N, C-alpha and C. Protein backbone atom coordinates (compact mmCIF):
# COMPACT_ATOMS: atom_id res chain seq x y z
N UNK A 1 0.84 -1.19 0.00
CA UNK A 1 0.00 0.00 0.00
C UNK A 1 0.88 1.24 0.00
N UNK A 2 0.39 2.28 -0.61
CA UNK A 2 1.09 3.56 -0.63
C UNK A 2 0.54 4.44 0.48
N UNK A 3 1.41 5.22 1.08
CA UNK A 3 0.96 6.25 2.00
C UNK A 3 0.44 7.42 1.17
N UNK A 4 -0.71 7.93 1.49
CA UNK A 4 -1.23 9.10 0.79
C UNK A 4 -0.42 10.32 1.24
N UNK A 5 -0.27 10.49 2.54
CA UNK A 5 0.63 11.49 3.10
C UNK A 5 1.86 10.72 3.55
N UNK A 6 3.03 10.96 2.96
CA UNK A 6 4.22 10.20 3.33
C UNK A 6 4.53 10.31 4.82
N UNK A 7 5.10 9.26 5.36
CA UNK A 7 5.51 9.27 6.77
C UNK A 7 6.49 10.42 7.01
N UNK A 8 7.37 10.67 6.03
CA UNK A 8 8.35 11.76 6.16
C UNK A 8 7.70 13.14 6.24
N UNK A 9 6.42 13.24 5.82
CA UNK A 9 5.68 14.51 5.88
C UNK A 9 4.66 14.50 7.01
N UNK A 10 4.77 13.53 7.91
CA UNK A 10 3.86 13.48 9.05
C UNK A 10 2.70 12.52 8.89
N UNK A 11 2.67 11.77 7.80
CA UNK A 11 1.61 10.79 7.60
C UNK A 11 1.76 9.61 8.54
N UNK A 12 0.66 9.03 8.91
CA UNK A 12 0.65 7.92 9.86
C UNK A 12 0.53 6.58 9.13
N UNK A 13 0.96 5.53 9.80
CA UNK A 13 0.80 4.16 9.30
C UNK A 13 -0.56 3.63 9.74
N UNK A 14 -1.61 4.18 9.15
CA UNK A 14 -2.98 3.78 9.47
C UNK A 14 -3.75 3.60 8.16
N UNK A 15 -4.79 2.77 8.16
CA UNK A 15 -5.55 2.56 6.93
C UNK A 15 -6.09 3.84 6.29
N UNK A 16 -6.45 4.83 7.08
CA UNK A 16 -7.00 6.08 6.53
C UNK A 16 -5.96 6.88 5.76
N UNK A 17 -4.69 6.46 5.84
CA UNK A 17 -3.63 7.13 5.11
C UNK A 17 -2.98 6.17 4.09
N UNK A 18 -3.71 5.14 3.72
CA UNK A 18 -3.16 4.17 2.79
C UNK A 18 -4.06 3.95 1.60
N UNK A 19 -3.45 3.47 0.53
CA UNK A 19 -4.19 3.16 -0.68
C UNK A 19 -3.51 1.97 -1.36
N UNK A 20 -4.27 0.95 -1.72
CA UNK A 20 -3.65 -0.20 -2.38
C UNK A 20 -3.34 0.12 -3.84
N UNK A 21 -2.08 0.00 -4.19
CA UNK A 21 -1.64 0.27 -5.56
C UNK A 21 -0.63 -0.78 -5.99
N UNK A 22 -0.61 -1.08 -7.28
CA UNK A 22 0.42 -1.95 -7.82
C UNK A 22 1.75 -1.19 -7.75
N UNK A 23 2.88 -1.89 -7.88
CA UNK A 23 4.18 -1.19 -7.79
C UNK A 23 4.34 -0.05 -8.79
N UNK A 24 3.85 -0.21 -10.00
CA UNK A 24 3.99 0.85 -11.02
C UNK A 24 3.23 2.10 -10.62
N UNK A 25 1.97 1.95 -10.22
CA UNK A 25 1.18 3.12 -9.86
C UNK A 25 1.59 3.69 -8.51
N UNK A 26 2.12 2.86 -7.63
CA UNK A 26 2.66 3.36 -6.36
C UNK A 26 3.81 4.32 -6.66
N UNK A 27 4.71 3.92 -7.54
CA UNK A 27 5.83 4.77 -7.92
C UNK A 27 5.34 6.08 -8.54
N UNK A 28 4.36 6.00 -9.42
CA UNK A 28 3.82 7.20 -10.06
C UNK A 28 3.16 8.12 -9.03
N UNK A 29 2.42 7.53 -8.10
CA UNK A 29 1.71 8.32 -7.09
C UNK A 29 2.70 9.05 -6.18
N UNK A 30 3.84 8.42 -5.91
CA UNK A 30 4.85 9.02 -5.02
C UNK A 30 5.81 9.95 -5.73
N UNK A 31 5.87 9.88 -7.04
CA UNK A 31 6.89 10.62 -7.79
C UNK A 31 6.51 12.10 -7.98
N UNK A 32 7.44 13.00 -7.69
CA UNK A 32 7.16 14.42 -7.97
C UNK A 32 7.18 14.72 -9.46
N UNK A 33 7.66 13.78 -10.27
CA UNK A 33 7.73 13.99 -11.72
C UNK A 33 6.48 13.52 -12.46
N UNK A 34 5.63 12.76 -11.77
CA UNK A 34 4.39 12.27 -12.38
C UNK A 34 3.23 12.86 -11.61
N UNK A 35 2.42 13.71 -12.24
CA UNK A 35 1.36 14.42 -11.51
C UNK A 35 0.09 13.58 -11.31
N UNK A 36 0.25 12.31 -10.87
CA UNK A 36 -0.89 11.45 -10.59
C UNK A 36 -1.39 11.72 -9.18
N UNK A 37 -2.65 12.07 -9.07
CA UNK A 37 -3.23 12.34 -7.76
C UNK A 37 -4.72 12.00 -7.80
N UNK A 38 -5.37 12.26 -6.71
CA UNK A 38 -6.81 12.01 -6.59
C UNK A 38 -7.53 13.32 -6.39
N UNK A 39 -8.67 13.46 -7.05
CA UNK A 39 -9.53 14.62 -6.84
C UNK A 39 -10.27 14.36 -5.53
N UNK A 40 -10.10 15.21 -4.53
CA UNK A 40 -10.63 14.94 -3.19
C UNK A 40 -12.15 14.71 -3.12
N UNK A 41 -12.94 15.47 -3.83
CA UNK A 41 -14.39 15.35 -3.69
C UNK A 41 -14.96 14.08 -4.31
N UNK A 42 -14.33 13.60 -5.38
CA UNK A 42 -14.87 12.43 -6.08
C UNK A 42 -14.02 11.17 -5.91
N UNK A 43 -12.82 11.33 -5.35
CA UNK A 43 -11.85 10.25 -5.22
C UNK A 43 -11.53 9.65 -6.59
N UNK A 44 -11.55 10.48 -7.62
CA UNK A 44 -11.22 10.07 -8.98
C UNK A 44 -9.77 10.37 -9.27
N UNK A 45 -9.12 9.47 -9.98
CA UNK A 45 -7.74 9.68 -10.39
C UNK A 45 -7.68 10.78 -11.44
N UNK A 46 -6.63 11.60 -11.37
CA UNK A 46 -6.39 12.61 -12.38
C UNK A 46 -4.89 12.76 -12.59
N UNK A 47 -4.54 13.17 -13.79
CA UNK A 47 -3.18 13.60 -14.09
C UNK A 47 -3.24 15.11 -14.26
N UNK A 48 -2.55 15.83 -13.41
CA UNK A 48 -2.65 17.29 -13.42
C UNK A 48 -2.04 17.94 -14.65
N UNK A 49 -1.29 17.17 -15.44
CA UNK A 49 -0.72 17.75 -16.66
C UNK A 49 -1.66 17.62 -17.86
N UNK A 50 -2.88 17.09 -17.61
CA UNK A 50 -3.86 16.98 -18.68
C UNK A 50 -3.77 15.72 -19.52
N UNK A 51 -2.78 14.90 -19.28
CA UNK A 51 -2.65 13.64 -20.03
C UNK A 51 -3.79 12.70 -19.65
N UNK A 52 -4.19 11.84 -20.55
CA UNK A 52 -5.25 10.88 -20.21
C UNK A 52 -4.71 9.81 -19.26
N UNK A 53 -5.58 9.31 -18.40
CA UNK A 53 -5.18 8.27 -17.47
C UNK A 53 -4.69 7.02 -18.19
N UNK A 54 -5.16 6.81 -19.40
CA UNK A 54 -4.72 5.65 -20.17
C UNK A 54 -3.21 5.69 -20.44
N UNK A 55 -2.60 6.87 -20.37
CA UNK A 55 -1.16 6.97 -20.59
C UNK A 55 -0.38 6.25 -19.49
N UNK A 56 -1.01 6.03 -18.35
CA UNK A 56 -0.41 5.28 -17.25
C UNK A 56 -1.07 3.92 -17.06
N UNK A 57 -1.91 3.54 -18.00
CA UNK A 57 -2.64 2.26 -17.93
C UNK A 57 -3.50 2.15 -16.68
N UNK A 58 -4.09 3.26 -16.26
CA UNK A 58 -5.01 3.25 -15.12
C UNK A 58 -6.32 2.62 -15.60
N UNK A 59 -6.79 1.60 -14.88
CA UNK A 59 -8.01 0.90 -15.29
C UNK A 59 -9.21 1.22 -14.40
N UNK A 60 -8.97 1.63 -13.18
CA UNK A 60 -10.05 2.05 -12.28
C UNK A 60 -9.98 3.56 -12.18
N UNK A 61 -11.05 4.24 -12.52
CA UNK A 61 -11.03 5.70 -12.58
C UNK A 61 -11.18 6.38 -11.24
N UNK A 62 -11.59 5.64 -10.22
CA UNK A 62 -11.74 6.23 -8.90
C UNK A 62 -11.50 5.16 -7.84
N UNK A 63 -11.61 5.57 -6.59
CA UNK A 63 -11.47 4.65 -5.46
C UNK A 63 -12.82 4.16 -4.96
N UNK A 64 -13.88 4.52 -5.65
CA UNK A 64 -15.23 4.20 -5.19
C UNK A 64 -15.47 2.70 -5.02
N UNK A 65 -14.72 1.86 -5.71
CA UNK A 65 -14.91 0.41 -5.61
C UNK A 65 -14.33 -0.18 -4.32
N UNK A 66 -13.52 0.57 -3.61
CA UNK A 66 -12.88 0.07 -2.40
C UNK A 66 -13.87 0.06 -1.23
N UNK A 67 -13.76 -0.95 -0.38
CA UNK A 67 -14.64 -1.01 0.79
C UNK A 67 -14.22 0.02 1.84
N UNK A 68 -12.96 0.39 1.85
CA UNK A 68 -12.47 1.44 2.76
C UNK A 68 -11.56 2.35 1.93
N UNK A 69 -11.72 3.63 2.09
CA UNK A 69 -10.94 4.60 1.32
C UNK A 69 -10.11 5.46 2.26
N UNK A 70 -9.07 6.09 1.73
CA UNK A 70 -8.29 7.01 2.56
C UNK A 70 -9.16 8.17 3.05
N UNK A 71 -8.71 8.81 4.08
CA UNK A 71 -9.45 9.95 4.61
C UNK A 71 -9.45 11.11 3.61
N UNK A 72 -10.50 11.92 3.68
CA UNK A 72 -10.59 13.11 2.84
C UNK A 72 -9.38 14.01 3.07
N UNK A 73 -8.98 14.18 4.34
CA UNK A 73 -7.85 15.06 4.66
C UNK A 73 -6.57 14.58 4.00
N UNK A 74 -6.34 13.27 3.99
CA UNK A 74 -5.13 12.74 3.35
C UNK A 74 -5.17 12.97 1.85
N UNK A 75 -6.31 12.69 1.22
CA UNK A 75 -6.44 12.90 -0.22
C UNK A 75 -6.28 14.39 -0.55
N UNK A 76 -6.87 15.25 0.25
CA UNK A 76 -6.74 16.70 0.04
C UNK A 76 -5.27 17.12 0.13
N UNK A 77 -4.55 16.59 1.11
CA UNK A 77 -3.13 16.91 1.28
C UNK A 77 -2.36 16.54 0.01
N UNK A 78 -2.57 15.31 -0.49
CA UNK A 78 -1.83 14.85 -1.66
C UNK A 78 -2.18 15.69 -2.89
N UNK A 79 -3.45 16.00 -3.05
CA UNK A 79 -3.92 16.81 -4.18
C UNK A 79 -3.25 18.19 -4.17
N UNK A 80 -3.24 18.84 -3.02
CA UNK A 80 -2.64 20.17 -2.91
C UNK A 80 -1.13 20.12 -3.14
N UNK A 81 -0.48 19.09 -2.62
CA UNK A 81 0.97 18.93 -2.80
C UNK A 81 1.27 18.72 -4.29
N UNK A 82 0.49 17.90 -4.96
CA UNK A 82 0.71 17.65 -6.38
C UNK A 82 0.50 18.93 -7.20
N UNK A 83 -0.51 19.73 -6.84
CA UNK A 83 -0.74 20.99 -7.57
C UNK A 83 0.44 21.93 -7.40
N UNK A 84 1.00 22.02 -6.21
CA UNK A 84 2.15 22.89 -5.95
C UNK A 84 3.35 22.44 -6.80
N UNK A 85 3.55 21.14 -6.88
CA UNK A 85 4.67 20.63 -7.68
C UNK A 85 4.51 20.91 -9.16
N UNK A 86 3.27 21.07 -9.61
CA UNK A 86 3.01 21.38 -11.03
C UNK A 86 3.28 22.84 -11.35
N UNK A 87 3.23 23.70 -10.36
CA UNK A 87 3.43 25.14 -10.60
C UNK A 87 4.88 25.48 -10.86
């Protein structure tokens, strides 16, 4: 699982701060060079550079299928951090 808010940034090792990802998408989600993040209100995946999700072979467009999802605060943190890195 990937930490939504990295431990190095104060994120906790709790389910509300985790998301199950394959190794490829985990790397993309953590990378400052790949603007893969989640839209907080819909929990939908987005690439902030405007590229289609298919460019990363994303097959699930949101986290809605999960029985437990990360907290809104964690997703919001990641979204805002990703936007800052794009500027």
